[in-house]
């Protein structure tokens, strides 16, 4: 799958949806790379900007339902693409109302009070996968 065409990727996505197996090369590198491409395609097709953790759960459920990859493989792919950020998602702000309130104050009334305090802020985990067309 290292030279996957758009047709191949669309066919793989259809097979995942239909819970049909698809062919993978038997080496670990190819399997890992293929999984990253599939996760990327699924992840970016969902509401990843507003709900990165819920999107991760949805992608994991889709792939576990398909049964070609293990939870450990999926988790490893997500962990390798995890990035800490203070550019919070709506999902994160809903879970942390105090941070949401501080962000609102920072953005509207007192932006100068928060300059230079990046290191003290709680960081959210988001996922950055390469985009595959």
C-alpha atoms as a PDB file:
ATOM      1  CA  UNK A   1       0.000   0.000   0.000  1.00  0.00           C
ATOM      2  CA  UNK A   2       3.015   2.318  -0.069  1.00  0.00           C
ATOM      3  CA  UNK A   3       2.038   3.557  -3.528  1.00  0.00           C
ATOM      4  CA  UNK A   4      -1.654   3.891  -2.778  1.00  0.00           C
ATOM      5  CA  UNK A   5      -3.692   5.720  -5.366  1.00  0.00           C
ATOM      6  CA  UNK A   6      -6.783   7.761  -4.566  1.00  0.00           C
ATOM      7  CA  UNK A   7      -8.882   4.924  -6.001  1.00  0.00           C
ATOM      8  CA  UNK A   8      -7.194   2.406  -3.681  1.00  0.00           C
ATOM      9  CA  UNK A   9      -7.735   4.614  -0.661  1.00  0.00           C
ATOM     10  CA  UNK A  10     -11.392   5.155  -1.546  1.00  0.00           C
ATOM     11  CA  UNK A  11     -11.770   1.391  -2.000  1.00  0.00           C
ATOM     12  CA  UNK A  12     -10.181   0.770   1.421  1.00  0.00           C
ATOM     13  CA  UNK A  13     -12.517   3.303   3.031  1.00  0.00           C
ATOM     14  CA  UNK A  14     -15.500   1.556   1.388  1.00  0.00           C
ATOM     15  CA  UNK A  15     -14.279  -1.803   2.672  1.00  0.00           C
ATOM     16  CA  UNK A  16     -13.924  -0.415   6.190  1.00  0.00           C
ATOM     17  CA  UNK A  17     -17.471   0.916   6.025  1.00  0.00           C
ATOM     18  CA  UNK A  18     -18.746  -2.433   4.702  1.00  0.00           C
ATOM     19  CA  UNK A  19     -16.626  -4.368   7.229  1.00  0.00           C
ATOM     20  CA  UNK A  20     -14.736  -6.192   4.499  1.00  0.00           C
ATOM     21  CA  UNK A  21     -11.038  -7.036   4.840  1.00  0.00           C
ATOM     22  CA  UNK A  22      -8.524  -5.412   2.520  1.00  0.00           C
ATOM     23  CA  UNK A  23      -5.068  -6.536   1.561  1.00  0.00           C
ATOM     24  CA  UNK A  24      -2.065  -5.259   3.485  1.00  0.00           C
ATOM     25  CA  UNK A  25       1.551  -6.099   2.970  1.00  0.00           C
ATOM     26  CA  UNK A  26       2.751  -8.408   5.697  1.00  0.00           C
ATOM     27  CA  UNK A  27       5.545  -6.212   6.967  1.00  0.00           C
ATOM     28  CA  UNK A  28       5.168  -4.042  10.075  1.00  0.00           C
ATOM     29  CA  UNK A  29       6.243  -0.807   8.381  1.00  0.00           C
ATOM     30  CA  UNK A  30       3.618  -1.109   5.663  1.00  0.00           C
ATOM     31  CA  UNK A  31       0.914  -1.987   8.184  1.00  0.00           C
ATOM     32  CA  UNK A  32       1.785   0.978  10.427  1.00  0.00           C
ATOM     33  CA  UNK A  33       1.928   3.389   7.507  1.00  0.00           C
ATOM     34  CA  UNK A  34      -1.349   2.074   6.076  1.00  0.00           C
ATOM     35  CA  UNK A  35      -3.073   2.512   9.429  1.00  0.00           C
ATOM     36  CA  UNK A  36      -1.826   6.113   9.711  1.00  0.00           C
ATOM     37  CA  UNK A  37      -3.201   6.917   6.237  1.00  0.00           C
ATOM     38  CA  UNK A  38      -6.563   5.329   7.083  1.00  0.00           C
ATOM     39  CA  UNK A  39      -6.782   7.109  10.450  1.00  0.00           C
ATOM     40  CA  UNK A  40      -5.858  10.406   8.821  1.00  0.00           C
ATOM     41  CA  UNK A  41      -8.552  10.017   6.193  1.00  0.00           C
ATOM     42  CA  UNK A  42     -11.206   9.093   8.785  1.00  0.00           C
ATOM     43  CA  UNK A  43     -10.071  11.687  11.340  1.00  0.00           C
ATOM     44  CA  UNK A  44     -10.130  14.614   8.909  1.00  0.00           C
ATOM     45  CA  UNK A  45     -13.529  13.545   7.573  1.00  0.00           C
ATOM     46  CA  UNK A  46     -15.095  14.103  11.020  1.00  0.00           C
ATOM     47  CA  UNK A  47     -15.396  17.120  13.368  1.00  0.00           C
ATOM     48  CA  UNK A  48     -11.771  16.885  14.527  1.00  0.00           C
ATOM     49  CA  UNK A  49     -11.274  20.642  15.060  1.00  0.00           C
ATOM     50  CA  UNK A  50     -14.137  21.031  17.513  1.00  0.00           C
ATOM     51  CA  UNK A  51     -14.003  17.554  19.076  1.00  0.00           C
ATOM     52  CA  UNK A  52     -10.538  15.958  18.798  1.00  0.00           C
ATOM     53  CA  UNK A  53     -11.078  13.365  21.553  1.00  0.00           C
ATOM     54  CA  UNK A  54     -14.599  12.423  20.460  1.00  0.00           C
ATOM     55  CA  UNK A  55     -13.288  12.128  16.898  1.00  0.00           C
ATOM     56  CA  UNK A  56     -10.481   9.856  18.102  1.00  0.00           C
ATOM     57  CA  UNK A  57     -13.089   7.661  19.836  1.00  0.00           C
ATOM     58  CA  UNK A  58     -15.249   7.519  16.685  1.00  0.00           C
ATOM     59  CA  UNK A  59     -12.286   6.569  14.480  1.00  0.00           C
ATOM     60  CA  UNK A  60     -11.202   3.930  17.002  1.00  0.00           C
ATOM     61  CA  UNK A  61     -14.735   2.473  17.103  1.00  0.00           C
ATOM     62  CA  UNK A  62     -14.950   2.362  13.293  1.00  0.00           C
ATOM     63  CA  UNK A  63     -11.618   0.558  13.023  1.00  0.00           C
ATOM     64  CA  UNK A  64     -12.319  -1.849  15.883  1.00  0.00           C
ATOM     65  CA  UNK A  65     -15.673  -2.687  14.318  1.00  0.00           C
ATOM     66  CA  UNK A  66     -13.847  -3.420  11.063  1.00  0.00           C
ATOM     67  CA  UNK A  67     -11.531  -5.782  13.037  1.00  0.00           C
ATOM     68  CA  UNK A  68      -8.397  -5.507  10.889  1.00  0.00           C
ATOM     69  CA  UNK A  69      -6.395  -3.460  13.418  1.00  0.00           C
ATOM     70  CA  UNK A  70      -6.047  -3.860  17.182  1.00  0.00           C
ATOM     71  CA  UNK A  71      -6.818  -1.198  19.767  1.00  0.00           C
ATOM     72  CA  UNK A  72      -3.091  -1.110  20.639  1.00  0.00           C
ATOM     73  CA  UNK A  73      -2.129  -0.376  17.016  1.00  0.00           C
ATOM     74  CA  UNK A  74      -4.761   2.352  16.758  1.00  0.00           C
ATOM     75  CA  UNK A  75      -3.747   3.922  20.089  1.00  0.00           C
ATOM     76  CA  UNK A  76      -0.084   3.867  19.059  1.00  0.00           C
ATOM     77  CA  UNK A  77      -0.902   5.687  15.811  1.00  0.00           C
ATOM     78  CA  UNK A  78      -2.820   8.373  17.699  1.00  0.00           C
ATOM     79  CA  UNK A  79      -0.104   8.730  20.346  1.00  0.00           C
ATOM     80  CA  UNK A  80       2.555   9.225  17.686  1.00  0.00           C
ATOM     81  CA  UNK A  81       0.516  12.119  16.260  1.00  0.00           C
ATOM     82  CA  UNK A  82      -0.449  13.740  19.588  1.00  0.00           C
ATOM     83  CA  UNK A  83       0.517  17.388  20.061  1.00  0.00           C
ATOM     84  CA  UNK A  84       0.013  19.607  23.089  1.00  0.00           C
ATOM     85  CA  UNK A  85      -1.525  22.987  22.399  1.00  0.00           C
ATOM     86  CA  UNK A  86      -3.193  25.948  24.053  1.00  0.00           C
ATOM     87  CA  UNK A  87      -5.374  26.473  20.984  1.00  0.00           C
ATOM     88  CA  UNK A  88      -8.368  24.904  22.660  1.00  0.00           C
ATOM     89  CA  UNK A  89     -11.217  23.058  20.980  1.00  0.00           C
ATOM     90  CA  UNK A  90     -14.866  23.562  21.863  1.00  0.00           C
ATOM     91  CA  UNK A  91     -14.882  20.053  23.360  1.00  0.00           C
ATOM     92  CA  UNK A  92     -11.980  20.939  25.701  1.00  0.00           C
ATOM     93  CA  UNK A  93     -13.528  24.250  26.769  1.00  0.00           C
ATOM     94  CA  UNK A  94     -16.823  22.514  27.601  1.00  0.00           C
ATOM     95  CA  UNK A  95     -14.921  20.126  29.882  1.00  0.00           C
ATOM     96  CA  UNK A  96     -12.934  22.965  31.490  1.00  0.00           C
ATOM     97  CA  UNK A  97     -15.306  25.911  32.110  1.00  0.00           C
ATOM     98  CA  UNK A  98     -12.698  27.876  34.109  1.00  0.00           C
ATOM     99  CA  UNK A  99     -10.326  27.781  31.158  1.00  0.00           C
ATOM    100  CA  UNK A 100     -13.171  28.823  28.856  1.00  0.00           C
ATOM    101  CA  UNK A 101     -13.897  31.777  31.108  1.00  0.00           C
ATOM    102  CA  UNK A 102     -10.218  32.778  31.216  1.00  0.00           C
ATOM    103  CA  UNK A 103      -9.984  32.465  27.425  1.00  0.00           C
ATOM    104  CA  UNK A 104     -13.009  34.711  26.999  1.00  0.00           C
ATOM    105  CA  UNK A 105     -11.453  37.348  29.276  1.00  0.00           C
ATOM    106  CA  UNK A 106      -8.095  37.043  27.541  1.00  0.00           C
ATOM    107  CA  UNK A 107      -9.591  37.474  24.102  1.00  0.00           C
ATOM    108  CA  UNK A 108     -11.969  40.310  24.885  1.00  0.00           C
ATOM    109  CA  UNK A 109     -11.183  42.460  27.877  1.00  0.00           C
ATOM    110  CA  UNK A 110      -7.647  41.979  29.120  1.00  0.00           C
ATOM    111  CA  UNK A 111      -5.419  40.491  26.397  1.00  0.00           C
ATOM    112  CA  UNK A 112      -2.283  42.198  27.730  1.00  0.00           C
ATOM    113  CA  UNK A 113      -2.605  40.495  31.151  1.00  0.00           C
ATOM    114  CA  UNK A 114      -2.165  37.077  29.593  1.00  0.00           C
ATOM    115  CA  UNK A 115       0.842  37.789  27.373  1.00  0.00           C
ATOM    116  CA  UNK A 116       3.896  35.711  28.243  1.00  0.00           C
ATOM    117  CA  UNK A 117       1.963  33.251  30.436  1.00  0.00           C
ATOM    118  CA  UNK A 118       1.802  30.440  27.854  1.00  0.00           C
ATOM    119  CA  UNK A 119       3.907  28.044  29.960  1.00  0.00           C
ATOM    120  CA  UNK A 120       1.478  28.193  32.897  1.00  0.00           C
ATOM    121  CA  UNK A 121      -1.585  27.245  30.872  1.00  0.00           C
ATOM    122  CA  UNK A 122      -3.117  23.781  30.738  1.00  0.00           C
ATOM    123  CA  UNK A 123      -2.492  22.126  27.404  1.00  0.00           C
ATOM    124  CA  UNK A 124      -4.954  20.148  25.328  1.00  0.00           C
ATOM    125  CA  UNK A 125      -3.952  17.095  23.304  1.00  0.00           C
ATOM    126  CA  UNK A 126      -4.828  17.301  19.617  1.00  0.00           C
ATOM    127  CA  UNK A 127      -3.764  15.059  16.765  1.00  0.00           C
ATOM    128  CA  UNK A 128      -1.866  16.104  13.671  1.00  0.00           C
ATOM    129  CA  UNK A 129      -1.755  13.588  10.873  1.00  0.00           C
ATOM    130  CA  UNK A 130      -0.354  14.232   7.411  1.00  0.00           C
ATOM    131  CA  UNK A 131      -3.122  14.968   4.923  1.00  0.00           C
ATOM    132  CA  UNK A 132      -3.503  12.349   2.216  1.00  0.00           C
ATOM    133  CA  UNK A 133      -5.599  13.144  -0.805  1.00  0.00           C
END
